[in-house]
């Protein structure tokens, strides 16, 4: 297992999750108008963060198999749960946390060779 590539994929996952939080924040403050969406800074930052996370992930793929790295992208569900609770003040019920724990278990099982 190429640890730097795994860390890059995990970092890309965190950055992508932050991008989703900014997209949500921007979507909450605008109507569906191309002009308003285009001028919304939160939406723009979300798109930039998503794009940056994609570039990092593509770079990580040069050094490790996609079958190992892509499950690391699933950690975005963990980050989304945490970030939406912290930054957006959304509620996370016990079923959602159980789902996140199952995702973590799946990632661990895939990482074991």
Protein backbone atom coordinates (compact mmCIF):
# COMPACT_ATOMS: atom_id res chain seq x y z
CA UNK A 1 0.00 0.00 0.00
CA UNK A 2 1.37 3.38 -1.03
CA UNK A 3 0.76 5.48 2.10
CA UNK A 4 1.33 8.90 0.44
CA UNK A 5 -1.22 8.03 -2.26
CA UNK A 6 -3.74 6.94 0.38
CA UNK A 7 -3.16 10.17 2.32
CA UNK A 8 -3.64 12.19 -0.87
CA UNK A 9 -6.93 10.38 -1.55
CA UNK A 10 -8.08 11.03 2.02
CA UNK A 11 -7.09 14.69 1.72
CA UNK A 12 -9.00 14.93 -1.55
CA UNK A 13 -12.01 13.47 0.23
CA UNK A 14 -11.86 16.11 2.97
CA UNK A 15 -11.48 18.94 0.45
CA UNK A 16 -14.36 17.58 -1.65
CA UNK A 17 -16.56 17.38 1.45
CA UNK A 18 -15.76 21.00 2.26
CA UNK A 19 -16.72 21.82 -1.32
CA UNK A 20 -20.11 20.19 -0.74
CA UNK A 21 -20.62 22.25 2.42
CA UNK A 22 -19.91 25.46 0.53
CA UNK A 23 -22.25 24.40 -2.27
CA UNK A 24 -25.00 23.79 0.28
CA UNK A 25 -24.33 27.12 1.97
CA UNK A 26 -24.47 28.89 -1.38
CA UNK A 27 -27.57 27.01 -2.52
CA UNK A 28 -29.37 28.06 0.65
CA UNK A 29 -28.75 31.73 -0.17
CA UNK A 30 -29.79 31.87 -3.82
CA UNK A 31 -32.59 31.14 -6.21
CA UNK A 32 -32.19 29.05 -9.33
CA UNK A 33 -30.94 31.70 -11.67
CA UNK A 34 -27.72 31.21 -13.63
CA UNK A 35 -26.70 34.80 -12.99
CA UNK A 36 -27.24 34.55 -9.23
CA UNK A 37 -25.53 31.17 -8.99
CA UNK A 38 -22.59 32.46 -11.05
CA UNK A 39 -22.14 35.39 -8.65
CA UNK A 40 -22.57 33.38 -5.47
CA UNK A 41 -19.17 33.18 -3.75
CA UNK A 42 -20.03 30.09 -1.69
CA UNK A 43 -21.07 28.18 -4.80
CA UNK A 44 -17.91 29.32 -6.59
CA UNK A 45 -15.70 28.24 -3.69
CA UNK A 46 -17.50 24.90 -3.55
CA UNK A 47 -16.85 24.29 -7.24
CA UNK A 48 -13.18 25.26 -6.85
CA UNK A 49 -12.75 22.93 -3.88
CA UNK A 50 -14.40 20.07 -5.78
CA UNK A 51 -12.10 20.67 -8.74
CA UNK A 52 -9.02 20.82 -6.51
CA UNK A 53 -10.01 17.57 -4.81
CA UNK A 54 -10.38 15.95 -8.24
CA UNK A 55 -6.87 17.03 -9.24
CA UNK A 56 -5.41 15.65 -6.01
CA UNK A 57 -7.23 12.35 -6.49
CA UNK A 58 -6.06 12.00 -10.09
CA UNK A 59 -2.49 12.59 -8.93
CA UNK A 60 -2.88 9.93 -6.21
CA UNK A 61 -4.13 7.44 -8.84
CA UNK A 62 -0.73 7.58 -10.50
CA UNK A 63 0.74 5.75 -7.51
CA UNK A 64 -1.90 3.27 -6.33
CA UNK A 65 -4.72 1.10 -7.63
CA UNK A 66 -8.14 2.67 -8.01
CA UNK A 67 -9.63 -0.36 -6.22
CA UNK A 68 -7.79 0.72 -3.06
CA UNK A 69 -8.05 4.50 -3.39
CA UNK A 70 -11.66 4.92 -4.46
CA UNK A 71 -13.05 3.53 -1.20
CA UNK A 72 -11.05 6.27 0.53
CA UNK A 73 -13.28 8.73 -1.31
CA UNK A 74 -16.17 7.17 0.62
CA UNK A 75 -14.74 8.81 3.73
CA UNK A 76 -16.39 11.93 2.32
CA UNK A 77 -19.59 10.64 3.93
CA UNK A 78 -17.86 10.88 7.30
CA UNK A 79 -16.58 14.39 6.62
CA UNK A 80 -19.95 15.51 5.25
CA UNK A 81 -21.65 14.26 8.42
CA UNK A 82 -19.19 16.10 10.64
CA UNK A 83 -18.96 19.28 8.57
CA UNK A 84 -22.72 19.58 8.07
CA UNK A 85 -23.20 19.24 11.83
CA UNK A 86 -20.45 21.74 12.69
CA UNK A 87 -20.78 24.35 9.95
CA UNK A 88 -24.39 24.06 8.80
CA UNK A 89 -25.91 23.07 12.17
CA UNK A 90 -27.71 20.10 10.59
CA UNK A 91 -28.98 17.26 12.75
CA UNK A 92 -27.36 13.83 12.59
CA UNK A 93 -29.56 11.10 14.05
CA UNK A 94 -28.33 7.73 15.27
CA UNK A 95 -29.25 5.97 12.00
CA UNK A 96 -27.02 8.32 10.05
CA UNK A 97 -24.12 7.69 12.43
CA UNK A 98 -24.67 3.93 12.18
CA UNK A 99 -24.49 4.31 8.40
CA UNK A 100 -21.23 6.26 8.71
CA UNK A 101 -19.79 3.53 10.96
CA UNK A 102 -20.75 0.90 8.39
CA UNK A 103 -18.96 2.91 5.70
CA UNK A 104 -15.86 3.06 7.90
CA UNK A 105 -16.05 -0.71 8.43
CA UNK A 106 -16.31 -1.22 4.68
CA UNK A 107 -13.28 0.98 4.06
CA UNK A 108 -11.27 -0.96 6.63
CA UNK A 109 -12.30 -4.30 5.08
CA UNK A 110 -11.31 -3.12 1.60
CA UNK A 111 -7.97 -1.82 2.91
CA UNK A 112 -7.10 -5.21 4.37
CA UNK A 113 -5.46 -7.34 1.72
